[in-house]
Structure formats: structure tokens, C-alpha cells
Amino acid sequence: MVKQYETVFIMTPVLSVEQMKEAVSKYRDLLKEYGAELVHEEEWGLKKLAYPIQKKSTGFYQLLEFRMEGEHVRNFEIAFKRDERILRFLTVALDKHAIAYNEKKRARKQDETTANA
């Protein structure tokens, strides 16, 4: 059954911008390989962590929202566990209310962008 998911992952801050973008494209390609449809993607940038992880106090945050068969989520998460560039990740299945909230939030952001242009 196809469901909508959201994954937020934190990459180590020692990566260059090019290495960070390469890691993100790896996971984007992996989603395509599993037949997922990428709904939305956001780069949150370098942020301070709430607590140190592997002696690091900052990390590159990235959000991927996608539709995919549930059976592939486990393999997608295993790829995160095996990648030493990833400090933490969290994948959440979205219900209809979360999907509606995300769509409203994106529409509001789009309206603000066009109003400022």
C-alpha cells in the first residue's frame, strides 16, 4: 500500500557543501530506485543540535517528503544506518491531517514568496 512519509535527517557538519548535496542526491536517487514519488524537499541548512551527537554540536538538516510502498521504508532506513555521514534520521508515516497541514504550509510559504517578489 502506498503511503506518504516524511524523513528528516541530520548530516555531519564536517562535510563540504558539495559533499552534503551529494549525500542528499544519493537518498533522492534511492527513493526513485524504490519507485517512490518525491512530494517535497527542503534544505534546512546548518543548525545547532539540542545536544552533542558524536561530539558534534551542529549538523546539516534535510527533509524529504515522499509517497512509497511501506515495504521499502525499512531498506531506505538501513541505508541511513550504514552511512557514516548521517548523524540521525527519523521517518514518519503521515496521516491525512499531517498531509493537509504540510500542503497548507507549503501554499502559505509560496504565497509569501510571490507577495515579496
PDB file of N, CA and C in Angstrom:
ATOM      1  N   MET A   1       0.840  -1.186   0.000  1.00  0.00           N
ATOM      2  CA  MET A   1       0.000   0.000   0.000  1.00  0.00           C
ATOM      3  C   MET A   1       0.884   1.248   0.000  1.00  0.00           C
ATOM      4  N   VAL A   2       0.575   2.174  -0.863  1.00  0.00           N
ATOM      5  CA  VAL A   2       1.354   3.403  -0.967  1.00  0.00           C
ATOM      6  C   VAL A   2       0.893   4.372   0.117  1.00  0.00           C
ATOM      7  N   LYS A   3       1.863   4.845   0.900  1.00  0.00           N
ATOM      8  CA  LYS A   3       1.591   5.829   1.944  1.00  0.00           C
ATOM      9  C   LYS A   3       2.522   7.004   1.743  1.00  0.00           C
ATOM     10  N   GLN A   4       2.211   8.091   2.408  1.00  0.00           N
ATOM     11  CA  GLN A   4       3.081   9.264   2.345  1.00  0.00           C
ATOM     12  C   GLN A   4       3.928   9.309   3.611  1.00  0.00           C
ATOM     13  N   TYR A   5       5.220   9.544   3.415  1.00  0.00           N
ATOM     14  CA  TYR A   5       6.178   9.576   4.511  1.00  0.00           C
ATOM     15  C   TYR A   5       6.954  10.875   4.492  1.00  0.00           C
ATOM     16  N   GLU A   6       7.559  11.170   5.640  1.00  0.00           N
ATOM     17  CA  GLU A   6       8.432  12.330   5.766  1.00  0.00           C
ATOM     18  C   GLU A   6       9.673  11.862   6.517  1.00  0.00           C
ATOM     19  N   THR A   7      10.830  12.142   5.957  1.00  0.00           N
ATOM     20  CA  THR A   7      12.085  11.791   6.609  1.00  0.00           C
ATOM     21  C   THR A   7      12.903  13.057   6.810  1.00  0.00           C
ATOM     22  N   VAL A   8      13.347  13.244   8.031  1.00  0.00           N
ATOM     23  CA  VAL A   8      14.285  14.320   8.345  1.00  0.00           C
ATOM     24  C   VAL A   8      15.578  13.641   8.754  1.00  0.00           C
ATOM     25  N   PHE A   9      16.686  14.070   8.153  1.00  0.00           N
ATOM     26  CA  PHE A   9      17.961  13.507   8.573  1.00  0.00           C
ATOM     27  C   PHE A   9      18.989  14.611   8.780  1.00  0.00           C
ATOM     28  N   ILE A  10      19.937  14.310   9.673  1.00  0.00           N
ATOM     29  CA  ILE A  10      20.985  15.261  10.036  1.00  0.00           C
ATOM     30  C   ILE A  10      22.316  14.677   9.580  1.00  0.00           C
ATOM     31  N   MET A  11      23.041  15.475   8.790  1.00  0.00           N
ATOM     32  CA  MET A  11      24.355  15.054   8.305  1.00  0.00           C
ATOM     33  C   MET A  11      25.443  15.750   9.109  1.00  0.00           C
ATOM     34  N   THR A  12      26.588  15.095   9.192  1.00  0.00           N
ATOM     35  CA  THR A  12      27.713  15.625   9.952  1.00  0.00           C
ATOM     36  C   THR A  12      28.156  16.983   9.396  1.00  0.00           C
ATOM     37  N   PRO A  13      28.545  17.922  10.270  1.00  0.00           N
ATOM     38  CA  PRO A  13      28.933  19.257   9.816  1.00  0.00           C
ATOM     39  C   PRO A  13      30.313  19.329   9.167  1.00  0.00           C
ATOM     40  N   VAL A  14      31.080  18.259   9.210  1.00  0.00           N
ATOM     41  CA  VAL A  14      32.418  18.288   8.612  1.00  0.00           C
ATOM     42  C   VAL A  14      32.370  18.151   7.088  1.00  0.00           C
ATOM     43  N   LEU A  15      31.196  17.895   6.541  1.00  0.00           N
ATOM     44  CA  LEU A  15      31.051  17.766   5.087  1.00  0.00           C
ATOM     45  C   LEU A  15      31.120  19.143   4.431  1.00  0.00           C
ATOM     46  N   SER A  16      31.665  19.176   3.229  1.00  0.00           N
ATOM     47  CA  SER A  16      31.599  20.409   2.441  1.00  0.00           C
ATOM     48  C   SER A  16      30.188  20.508   1.870  1.00  0.00           C
ATOM     49  N   VAL A  17      29.846  21.655   1.322  1.00  0.00           N
ATOM     50  CA  VAL A  17      28.518  21.834   0.742  1.00  0.00           C
ATOM     51  C   VAL A  17      28.304  20.841  -0.400  1.00  0.00           C
ATOM     52  N   GLU A  18      29.350  20.609  -1.205  1.00  0.00           N
ATOM     53  CA  GLU A  18      29.237  19.658  -2.322  1.00  0.00           C
ATOM     54  C   GLU A  18      28.994  18.243  -1.810  1.00  0.00           C
ATOM     55  N   GLN A  19      29.706  17.843  -0.748  1.00  0.00           N
ATOM     56  CA  GLN A  19      29.534  16.500  -0.180  1.00  0.00           C
ATOM     57  C   GLN A  19      28.134  16.347   0.403  1.00  0.00           C
ATOM     58  N   MET A  20      27.632  17.408   1.024  1.00  0.00           N
ATOM     59  CA  MET A  20      26.299  17.371   1.599  1.00  0.00           C
ATOM     60  C   MET A  20      25.259  17.201   0.499  1.00  0.00           C
ATOM     61  N   LYS A  21      25.400  17.965  -0.581  1.00  0.00           N
ATOM     62  CA  LYS A  21      24.455  17.865  -1.700  1.00  0.00           C
ATOM     63  C   LYS A  21      24.539  16.493  -2.366  1.00  0.00           C
ATOM     64  N   GLU A  22      25.737  15.919  -2.418  1.00  0.00           N
ATOM     65  CA  GLU A  22      25.920  14.574  -2.982  1.00  0.00           C
ATOM     66  C   GLU A  22      25.187  13.531  -2.137  1.00  0.00           C
ATOM     67  N   ALA A  23      25.274  13.672  -0.808  1.00  0.00           N
ATOM     68  CA  ALA A  23      24.586  12.738   0.084  1.00  0.00           C
ATOM     69  C   ALA A  23      23.076  12.841  -0.101  1.00  0.00           C
ATOM     70  N   VAL A  24      22.571  14.055  -0.216  1.00  0.00           N
ATOM     71  CA  VAL A  24      21.129  14.253  -0.418  1.00  0.00           C
ATOM     72  C   VAL A  24      20.687  13.634  -1.738  1.00  0.00           C
ATOM     73  N   SER A  25      21.476  13.845  -2.791  1.00  0.00           N
ATOM     74  CA  SER A  25      21.093  13.282  -4.096  1.00  0.00           C
ATOM     75  C   SER A  25      21.147  11.758  -4.071  1.00  0.00           C
ATOM     76  N   LYS A  26      22.031  11.189  -3.251  1.00  0.00           N
ATOM     77  CA  LYS A  26      22.091   9.729  -3.110  1.00  0.00           C
ATOM     78  C   LYS A  26      20.748   9.204  -2.584  1.00  0.00           C
ATOM     79  N   TYR A  27      20.203   9.874  -1.567  1.00  0.00           N
ATOM     80  CA  TYR A  27      18.937   9.416  -0.989  1.00  0.00           C
ATOM     81  C   TYR A  27      17.756   9.721  -1.900  1.00  0.00           C
ATOM     82  N   ARG A  28      17.831  10.808  -2.642  1.00  0.00           N
ATOM     83  CA  ARG A  28      16.795  11.119  -3.627  1.00  0.00           C
ATOM     84  C   ARG A  28      16.774  10.029  -4.701  1.00  0.00           C
ATOM     85  N   ASP A  29      17.968   9.635  -5.178  1.00  0.00           N
ATOM     86  CA  ASP A  29      18.067   8.573  -6.185  1.00  0.00           C
ATOM     87  C   ASP A  29      17.597   7.238  -5.636  1.00  0.00           C
ATOM     88  N   LEU A  30      17.901   6.982  -4.362  1.00  0.00           N
ATOM     89  CA  LEU A  30      17.482   5.735  -3.725  1.00  0.00           C
ATOM     90  C   LEU A  30      15.956   5.659  -3.672  1.00  0.00           C
ATOM     91  N   LEU A  31      15.318   6.789  -3.375  1.00  0.00           N
ATOM     92  CA  LEU A  31      13.851   6.821  -3.374  1.00  0.00           C
ATOM     93  C   LEU A  31      13.295   6.479  -4.755  1.00  0.00           C
ATOM     94  N   LYS A  32      13.895   7.064  -5.801  1.00  0.00           N
ATOM     95  CA  LYS A  32      13.451   6.780  -7.171  1.00  0.00           C
ATOM     96  C   LYS A  32      13.638   5.307  -7.504  1.00  0.00           C
ATOM     97  N   GLU A  33      14.743   4.737  -7.011  1.00  0.00           N
ATOM     98  CA  GLU A  33      15.027   3.317  -7.238  1.00  0.00           C
ATOM     99  C   GLU A  33      13.941   2.435  -6.629  1.00  0.00           C
ATOM    100  N   TYR A  34      13.403   2.858  -5.490  1.00  0.00           N
ATOM    101  CA  TYR A  34      12.336   2.100  -4.825  1.00  0.00           C
ATOM    102  C   TYR A  34      10.958   2.437  -5.391  1.00  0.00           C
ATOM    103  N   GLY A  35      10.904   3.272  -6.408  1.00  0.00           N
ATOM    104  CA  GLY A  35       9.629   3.615  -7.035  1.00  0.00           C
ATOM    105  C   GLY A  35       8.846   4.665  -6.282  1.00  0.00           C
ATOM    106  N   ALA A  36       9.520   5.453  -5.472  1.00  0.00           N
ATOM    107  CA  ALA A  36       8.844   6.484  -4.686  1.00  0.00           C
ATOM    108  C   ALA A  36       8.622   7.738  -5.518  1.00  0.00           C
ATOM    109  N   GLU A  37       7.608   8.478  -5.130  1.00  0.00           N
ATOM    110  CA  GLU A  37       7.324   9.770  -5.753  1.00  0.00           C
ATOM    111  C   GLU A  37       7.715  10.843  -4.745  1.00  0.00           C
ATOM    112  N   LEU A  38       8.679  11.686  -5.089  1.00  0.00           N
ATOM    113  CA  LEU A  38       9.131  12.754  -4.201  1.00  0.00           C
ATOM    114  C   LEU A  38       8.100  13.874  -4.235  1.00  0.00           C
ATOM    115  N   VAL A  39       7.498  14.155  -3.081  1.00  0.00           N
ATOM    116  CA  VAL A  39       6.452  15.165  -2.981  1.00  0.00           C
ATOM    117  C   VAL A  39       7.053  16.531  -2.700  1.00  0.00           C
ATOM    118  N   HIS A  40       7.989  16.586  -1.756  1.00  0.00           N
ATOM    119  CA  HIS A  40       8.573  17.856  -1.340  1.00  0.00           C
ATOM    120  C   HIS A  40       9.948  17.616  -0.738  1.00  0.00           C
ATOM    121  N   GLU A  41      10.792  18.615  -0.869  1.00  0.00           N
ATOM    122  CA  GLU A  41      12.144  18.526  -0.323  1.00  0.00           C
ATOM    123  C   GLU A  41      12.532  19.899   0.210  1.00  0.00           C
ATOM    124  N   GLU A  42      13.140  19.925   1.394  1.00  0.00           N
ATOM    125  CA  GLU A  42      13.596  21.184   1.976  1.00  0.00           C
ATOM    126  C   GLU A  42      14.993  20.999   2.544  1.00  0.00           C
ATOM    127  N   GLU A  43      15.838  21.987   2.275  1.00  0.00           N
ATOM    128  CA  GLU A  43      17.156  22.017   2.890  1.00  0.00           C
ATOM    129  C   GLU A  43      17.081  23.042   4.007  1.00  0.00           C
ATOM    130  N   TRP A  44      17.234  22.588   5.252  1.00  0.00           N
ATOM    131  CA  TRP A  44      17.141  23.487   6.393  1.00  0.00           C
ATOM    132  C   TRP A  44      18.488  24.106   6.741  1.00  0.00           C
ATOM    133  N   GLY A  45      19.557  23.572   6.172  1.00  0.00           N
ATOM    134  CA  GLY A  45      20.878  24.142   6.375  1.00  0.00           C
ATOM    135  C   GLY A  45      21.563  23.670   7.645  1.00  0.00           C
ATOM    136  N   LEU A  46      22.626  24.374   8.005  1.00  0.00           N
ATOM    137  CA  LEU A  46      23.432  24.039   9.179  1.00  0.00           C
ATOM    138  C   LEU A  46      22.758  24.611  10.418  1.00  0.00           C
ATOM    139  N   LYS A  47      22.423  23.751  11.350  1.00  0.00           N
ATOM    140  CA  LYS A  47      21.731  24.165  12.575  1.00  0.00           C
ATOM    141  C   LYS A  47      22.445  23.609  13.795  1.00  0.00           C
ATOM    142  N   LYS A  48      22.245  24.286  14.920  1.00  0.00           N
ATOM    143  CA  LYS A  48      22.796  23.831  16.186  1.00  0.00           C
ATOM    144  C   LYS A  48      21.941  22.672  16.704  1.00  0.00           C
ATOM    145  N   LEU A  49      22.592  21.640  17.189  1.00  0.00           N
ATOM    146  CA  LEU A  49      21.889  20.489  17.745  1.00  0.00           C
ATOM    147  C   LEU A  49      21.477  20.772  19.189  1.00  0.00           C
ATOM    148  N   ALA A  50      20.422  20.141  19.642  1.00  0.00           N
ATOM    149  CA  ALA A  50      19.955  20.314  21.015  1.00  0.00           C
ATOM    150  C   ALA A  50      20.955  19.727  22.009  1.00  0.00           C
ATOM    151  N   TYR A  51      21.657  18.686  21.587  1.00  0.00           N
ATOM    152  CA  TYR A  51      22.688  18.063  22.413  1.00  0.00           C
ATOM    153  C   TYR A  51      23.741  17.481  21.480  1.00  0.00           C
ATOM    154  N   PRO A  52      24.976  17.336  21.953  1.00  0.00           N
ATOM    155  CA  PRO A  52      26.033  16.819  21.071  1.00  0.00           C
ATOM    156  C   PRO A  52      25.752  15.383  20.622  1.00  0.00           C
ATOM    157  N   ILE A  53      26.035  15.124  19.342  1.00  0.00           N
ATOM    158  CA  ILE A  53      25.948  13.782  18.779  1.00  0.00           C
ATOM    159  C   ILE A  53      27.314  13.486  18.182  1.00  0.00           C
ATOM    160  N   GLN A  54      27.941  12.416  18.618  1.00  0.00           N
ATOM    161  CA  GLN A  54      29.287  12.050  18.167  1.00  0.00           C
ATOM    162  C   GLN A  54      30.249  13.240  18.298  1.00  0.00           C
ATOM    163  N   LYS A  55      30.135  13.946  19.427  1.00  0.00           N
ATOM    164  CA  LYS A  55      30.981  15.106  19.760  1.00  0.00           C
ATOM    165  C   LYS A  55      30.816  16.271  18.779  1.00  0.00           C
ATOM    166  N   LYS A  56      29.692  16.332  18.090  1.00  0.00           N
ATOM    167  CA  LYS A  56      29.416  17.431  17.164  1.00  0.00           C
ATOM    168  C   LYS A  56      28.220  18.221  17.686  1.00  0.00           C
ATOM    169  N   SER A  57      28.296  19.547  17.584  1.00  0.00           N
ATOM    170  CA  SER A  57      27.222  20.385  18.124  1.00  0.00           C
ATOM    171  C   SER A  57      26.342  20.996  17.035  1.00  0.00           C
ATOM    172  N   THR A  58      26.698  20.785  15.751  1.00  0.00           N
ATOM    173  CA  THR A  58      25.879  21.276  14.643  1.00  0.00           C
ATOM    174  C   THR A  58      25.713  20.170  13.607  1.00  0.00           C
ATOM    175  N   GLY A  59      24.798  20.380  12.677  1.00  0.00           N
ATOM    176  CA  GLY A  59      24.598  19.403  11.607  1.00  0.00           C
ATOM    177  C   GLY A  59      23.768  20.006  10.490  1.00  0.00           C
ATOM    178  N   PHE A  60      23.895  19.424   9.288  1.00  0.00           N
ATOM    179  CA  PHE A  60      23.092  19.835   8.131  1.00  0.00           C
ATOM    180  C   PHE A  60      21.772  19.076   8.182  1.00  0.00           C
ATOM    181  N   TYR A  61      20.664  19.813   8.218  1.00  0.00           N
ATOM    182  CA  TYR A  61      19.337  19.209   8.260  1.00  0.00           C
ATOM    183  C   TYR A  61      18.739  19.163   6.866  1.00  0.00           C
ATOM    184  N   GLN A  62      18.036  18.061   6.581  1.00  0.00           N
ATOM    185  CA  GLN A  62      17.380  17.892   5.281  1.00  0.00           C
ATOM    186  C   GLN A  62      16.046  17.182   5.496  1.00  0.00           C
ATOM    187  N   LEU A  63      15.017  17.606   4.771  1.00  0.00           N
ATOM    188  CA  LEU A  63      13.697  16.983   4.848  1.00  0.00           C
ATOM    189  C   LEU A  63      13.322  16.453   3.480  1.00  0.00           C
ATOM    190  N   LEU A  64      12.828  15.218   3.435  1.00  0.00           N
ATOM    191  CA  LEU A  64      12.300  14.618   2.211  1.00  0.00           C
ATOM    192  C   LEU A  64      10.892  14.113   2.510  1.00  0.00           C
ATOM    193  N   GLU A  65       9.924  14.526   1.691  1.00  0.00           N
ATOM    194  CA  GLU A  65       8.551  14.042   1.823  1.00  0.00           C
ATOM    195  C   GLU A  65       8.238  13.260   0.552  1.00  0.00           C
ATOM    196  N   PHE A  66       7.750  12.033   0.703  1.00  0.00           N
ATOM    197  CA  PHE A  66       7.583  11.157  -0.450  1.00  0.00           C
ATOM    198  C   PHE A  66       6.445  10.168  -0.252  1.00  0.00           C
ATOM    199  N   ARG A  67       5.970   9.600  -1.387  1.00  0.00           N
ATOM    200  CA  ARG A  67       4.974   8.521  -1.373  1.00  0.00           C
ATOM    201  C   ARG A  67       5.687   7.254  -1.824  1.00  0.00           C
ATOM    202  N   MET A  68       5.488   6.180  -1.061  1.00  0.00           N
ATOM    203  CA  MET A  68       6.196   4.941  -1.376  1.00  0.00           C
ATOM    204  C   MET A  68       5.481   3.759  -0.734  1.00  0.00           C
ATOM    205  N   GLU A  69       5.730   2.589  -1.305  1.00  0.00           N
ATOM    206  CA  GLU A  69       5.239   1.351  -0.705  1.00  0.00           C
ATOM    207  C   GLU A  69       5.917   1.170   0.654  1.00  0.00           C
ATOM    208  N   GLY A  70       5.151   0.765   1.648  1.00  0.00           N
ATOM    209  CA  GLY A  70       5.675   0.623   3.005  1.00  0.00           C
ATOM    210  C   GLY A  70       6.802  -0.380   3.147  1.00  0.00           C
ATOM    211  N   GLU A  71       6.816  -1.394   2.293  1.00  0.00           N
ATOM    212  CA  GLU A  71       7.834  -2.443   2.400  1.00  0.00           C
ATOM    213  C   GLU A  71       9.242  -1.927   2.109  1.00  0.00           C
ATOM    214  N   HIS A  72       9.355  -0.799   1.385  1.00  0.00           N
ATOM    215  CA  HIS A  72      10.675  -0.268   1.029  1.00  0.00           C
ATOM    216  C   HIS A  72      11.248   0.675   2.086  1.00  0.00           C
ATOM    217  N   VAL A  73      10.429   1.115   3.030  1.00  0.00           N
ATOM    218  CA  VAL A  73      10.883   2.070   4.041  1.00  0.00           C
ATOM    219  C   VAL A  73      12.015   1.474   4.873  1.00  0.00           C
ATOM    220  N   ARG A  74      11.897   0.226   5.227  1.00  0.00           N
ATOM    221  CA  ARG A  74      12.933  -0.423   6.043  1.00  0.00           C
ATOM    222  C   ARG A  74      14.292  -0.399   5.329  1.00  0.00           C
ATOM    223  N   ASN A  75      14.307  -0.724   4.038  1.00  0.00           N
ATOM    224  CA  ASN A  75      15.560  -0.705   3.279  1.00  0.00           C
ATOM    225  C   ASN A  75      16.111   0.714   3.155  1.00  0.00           C
ATOM    226  N   PHE A  76      15.215   1.692   3.014  1.00  0.00           N
ATOM    227  CA  PHE A  76      15.611   3.095   2.937  1.00  0.00           C
ATOM    228  C   PHE A  76      16.305   3.508   4.243  1.00  0.00           C
ATOM    229  N   GLU A  77      15.737   3.095   5.374  1.00  0.00           N
ATOM    230  CA  GLU A  77      16.323   3.435   6.675  1.00  0.00           C
ATOM    231  C   GLU A  77      17.643   2.701   6.909  1.00  0.00           C
ATOM    232  N   ILE A  78      17.769   1.497   6.410  1.00  0.00           N
ATOM    233  CA  ILE A  78      19.031   0.755   6.553  1.00  0.00           C
ATOM    234  C   ILE A  78      20.161   1.506   5.857  1.00  0.00           C
ATOM    235  N   ALA A  79      19.860   2.139   4.718  1.00  0.00           N
ATOM    236  CA  ALA A  79      20.873   2.935   4.008  1.00  0.00           C
ATOM    237  C   ALA A  79      21.356   4.083   4.893  1.00  0.00           C
ATOM    238  N   PHE A  80      20.456   4.709   5.669  1.00  0.00           N
ATOM    239  CA  PHE A  80      20.862   5.769   6.592  1.00  0.00           C
ATOM    240  C   PHE A  80      21.775   5.221   7.684  1.00  0.00           C
ATOM    241  N   LYS A  81      21.436   4.051   8.216  1.00  0.00           N
ATOM    242  CA  LYS A  81      22.229   3.450   9.297  1.00  0.00           C
ATOM    243  C   LYS A  81      23.639   3.110   8.840  1.00  0.00           C
ATOM    244  N   ARG A  82      23.785   2.747   7.587  1.00  0.00           N
ATOM    245  CA  ARG A  82      25.095   2.342   7.061  1.00  0.00           C
ATOM    246  C   ARG A  82      25.973   3.518   6.649  1.00  0.00           C
ATOM    247  N   ASP A  83      25.387   4.697   6.512  1.00  0.00           N
ATOM    248  CA  ASP A  83      26.107   5.873   6.019  1.00  0.00           C
ATOM    249  C   ASP A  83      26.718   6.639   7.196  1.00  0.00           C
ATOM    250  N   GLU A  84      28.033   6.746   7.223  1.00  0.00           N
ATOM    251  CA  GLU A  84      28.716   7.431   8.330  1.00  0.00           C
ATOM    252  C   GLU A  84      28.523   8.944   8.295  1.00  0.00           C
ATOM    253  N   ARG A  85      28.016   9.480   7.183  1.00  0.00           N
ATOM    254  CA  ARG A  85      27.751  10.924   7.085  1.00  0.00           C
ATOM    255  C   ARG A  85      26.480  11.322   7.827  1.00  0.00           C
ATOM    256  N   ILE A  86      25.619  10.351   8.139  1.00  0.00           N
ATOM    257  CA  ILE A  86      24.328  10.623   8.776  1.00  0.00           C
ATOM    258  C   ILE A  86      24.465  10.481  10.293  1.00  0.00           C
ATOM    259  N   LEU A  87      24.130  11.567  11.011  1.00  0.00           N
ATOM    260  CA  LEU A  87      24.165  11.525  12.471  1.00  0.00           C
ATOM    261  C   LEU A  87      22.874  10.940  13.039  1.00  0.00           C
ATOM    262  N   ARG A  88      21.738  11.412  12.541  1.00  0.00           N
ATOM    263  CA  ARG A  88      20.426  10.944  12.988  1.00  0.00           C
ATOM    264  C   ARG A  88      19.442  11.037  11.827  1.00  0.00           C
ATOM    265  N   PHE A  89      18.368  10.250  11.919  1.00  0.00           N
ATOM    266  CA  PHE A  89      17.280  10.337  10.939  1.00  0.00           C
ATOM    267  C   PHE A  89      15.995   9.899  11.606  1.00  0.00           C
ATOM    268  N   LEU A  90      14.885  10.349  11.059  1.00  0.00           N
ATOM    269  CA  LEU A  90      13.575   9.946  11.553  1.00  0.00           C
ATOM    270  C   LEU A  90      12.613   9.920  10.378  1.00  0.00           C
ATOM    271  N   THR A  91      11.954   8.789  10.182  1.00  0.00           N
ATOM    272  CA  THR A  91      10.941   8.643   9.139  1.00  0.00           C
ATOM    273  C   THR A  91       9.593   8.469   9.809  1.00  0.00           C
ATOM    274  N   VAL A  92       8.617   9.239   9.346  1.00  0.00           N
ATOM    275  CA  VAL A  92       7.281   9.212   9.926  1.00  0.00           C
ATOM    276  C   VAL A  92       6.264   9.009   8.808  1.00  0.00           C
ATOM    277  N   ALA A  93       5.303   8.106   9.027  1.00  0.00           N
ATOM    278  CA  ALA A  93       4.184   7.947   8.087  1.00  0.00           C
ATOM    279  C   ALA A  93       3.179   9.049   8.388  1.00  0.00           C
ATOM    280  N   LEU A  94       2.771   9.780   7.360  1.00  0.00           N
ATOM    281  CA  LEU A  94       1.860  10.906   7.544  1.00  0.00           C
ATOM    282  C   LEU A  94       0.408  10.459   7.390  1.00  0.00           C
ATOM    283  N   ASP A  95      -0.438  10.921   8.289  1.00  0.00           N
ATOM    284  CA  ASP A  95      -1.873  10.673   8.136  1.00  0.00           C
ATOM    285  C   ASP A  95      -2.483  11.807   7.311  1.00  0.00           C
ATOM    286  N   LYS A  96      -3.770  11.741   7.056  1.00  0.00           N
ATOM    287  CA  LYS A  96      -4.405  12.734   6.178  1.00  0.00           C
ATOM    288  C   LYS A  96      -4.326  14.147   6.750  1.00  0.00           C
ATOM    289  N   HIS A  97      -4.319  14.276   8.074  1.00  0.00           N
ATOM    290  CA  HIS A  97      -4.243  15.598   8.696  1.00  0.00           C
ATOM    291  C   HIS A  97      -2.845  16.202   8.529  1.00  0.00           C
ATOM    292  N   ALA A  98      -1.827  15.382   8.689  1.00  0.00           N
ATOM    293  CA  ALA A  98      -0.448  15.858   8.512  1.00  0.00           C
ATOM    294  C   ALA A  98      -0.189  16.241   7.059  1.00  0.00           C
ATOM    295  N   ILE A  99      -0.734  15.471   6.138  1.00  0.00           N
ATOM    296  CA  ILE A  99      -0.573  15.778   4.710  1.00  0.00           C
ATOM    297  C   ILE A  99      -1.238  17.117   4.390  1.00  0.00           C
ATOM    298  N   ALA A 100      -2.458  17.322   4.899  1.00  0.00           N
ATOM    299  CA  ALA A 100      -3.177  18.584   4.673  1.00  0.00           C
ATOM    300  C   ALA A 100      -2.414  19.753   5.293  1.00  0.00           C
ATOM    301  N   TYR A 101      -1.872  19.556   6.493  1.00  0.00           N
ATOM    302  CA  TYR A 101      -1.098  20.616   7.162  1.00  0.00           C
ATOM    303  C   TYR A 101       0.134  20.978   6.335  1.00  0.00           C
ATOM    304  N   ASN A 102       0.860  19.971   5.848  1.00  0.00           N
ATOM    305  CA  ASN A 102       2.057  20.233   5.047  1.00  0.00           C
ATOM    306  C   ASN A 102       1.715  20.979   3.757  1.00  0.00           C
ATOM    307  N   GLU A 103       0.611  20.596   3.120  1.00  0.00           N
ATOM    308  CA  GLU A 103       0.201  21.269   1.887  1.00  0.00           C
ATOM    309  C   GLU A 103      -0.165  22.722   2.149  1.00  0.00           C
ATOM    310  N   LYS A 104      -0.888  22.975   3.268  1.00  0.00           N
ATOM    311  CA  LYS A 104      -1.248  24.341   3.634  1.00  0.00           C
ATOM    312  C   LYS A 104      -0.006  25.184   3.918  1.00  0.00           C
ATOM    313  N   LYS A 105       0.938  24.573   4.633  1.00  0.00           N
ATOM    314  CA  LYS A 105       2.175  25.263   4.983  1.00  0.00           C
ATOM    315  C   LYS A 105       2.956  25.634   3.726  1.00  0.00           C
ATOM    316  N   ARG A 106       3.047  24.717   2.775  1.00  0.00           N
ATOM    317  CA  ARG A 106       3.751  24.996   1.514  1.00  0.00           C
ATOM    318  C   ARG A 106       3.036  26.085   0.716  1.00  0.00           C
ATOM    319  N   ALA A 107       1.703  26.044   0.683  1.00  0.00           N
ATOM    320  CA  ALA A 107       0.930  27.058  -0.038  1.00  0.00           C
ATOM    321  C   ALA A 107       1.136  28.430   0.591  1.00  0.00           C
ATOM    322  N   ARG A 108       1.149  28.494   1.926  1.00  0.00           N
ATOM    323  CA  ARG A 108       1.368  29.754   2.627  1.00  0.00           C
ATOM    324  C   ARG A 108       2.757  30.302   2.317  1.00  0.00           C
ATOM    325  N   LYS A 109       3.748  29.424   2.315  1.00  0.00           N
ATOM    326  CA  LYS A 109       5.127  29.833   2.019  1.00  0.00           C
ATOM    327  C   LYS A 109       5.228  30.337   0.573  1.00  0.00           C
ATOM    328  N   GLN A 110       4.525  29.662  -0.333  1.00  0.00           N
ATOM    329  CA  GLN A 110       4.521  30.062  -1.743  1.00  0.00           C
ATOM    330  C   GLN A 110       3.863  31.440  -1.909  1.00  0.00           C
ATOM    331  N   ASP A 111       2.766  31.670  -1.183  1.00  0.00           N
ATOM    332  CA  ASP A 111       2.078  32.958  -1.235  1.00  0.00           C
ATOM    333  C   ASP A 111       2.978  34.079  -0.730  1.00  0.00           C
ATOM    334  N   GLU A 112       3.702  33.808   0.345  1.00  0.00           N
ATOM    335  CA  GLU A 112       4.628  34.809   0.901  1.00  0.00           C
ATOM    336  C   GLU A 112       5.738  35.121  -0.087  1.00  0.00           C
ATOM    337  N   THR A 113       6.243  34.099  -0.760  1.00  0.00           N
ATOM    338  CA  THR A 113       7.320  34.279  -1.733  1.00  0.00           C
ATOM    339  C   THR A 113       6.858  35.122  -2.913  1.00  0.00           C
ATOM    340  N   THR A 114       5.650  34.847  -3.425  1.00  0.00           N
ATOM    341  CA  THR A 114       5.152  35.608  -4.565  1.00  0.00           C
ATOM    342  C   THR A 114       4.779  37.038  -4.159  1.00  0.00           C
ATOM    343  N   ALA A 115       4.325  37.228  -2.920  1.00  0.00           N
ATOM    344  CA  ALA A 115       3.968  38.567  -2.441  1.00  0.00           C
ATOM    345  C   ALA A 115       5.227  39.439  -2.284  1.00  0.00           C
ATOM    346  N   ASN A 116       6.340  38.825  -1.893  1.00  0.00           N
ATOM    347  CA  ASN A 116       7.585  39.555  -1.694  1.00  0.00           C
ATOM    348  C   ASN A 116       8.321  39.815  -3.006  1.00  0.00           C
ATOM    349  N   ALA A 117       7.966  39.107  -4.059  1.00  0.00           N
ATOM    350  CA  ALA A 117       8.679  39.257  -5.340  1.00  0.00           C
ATOM    351  C   ALA A 117       8.250  40.474  -6.122  1.00  0.00           C
TER     352      ALA A 117
END
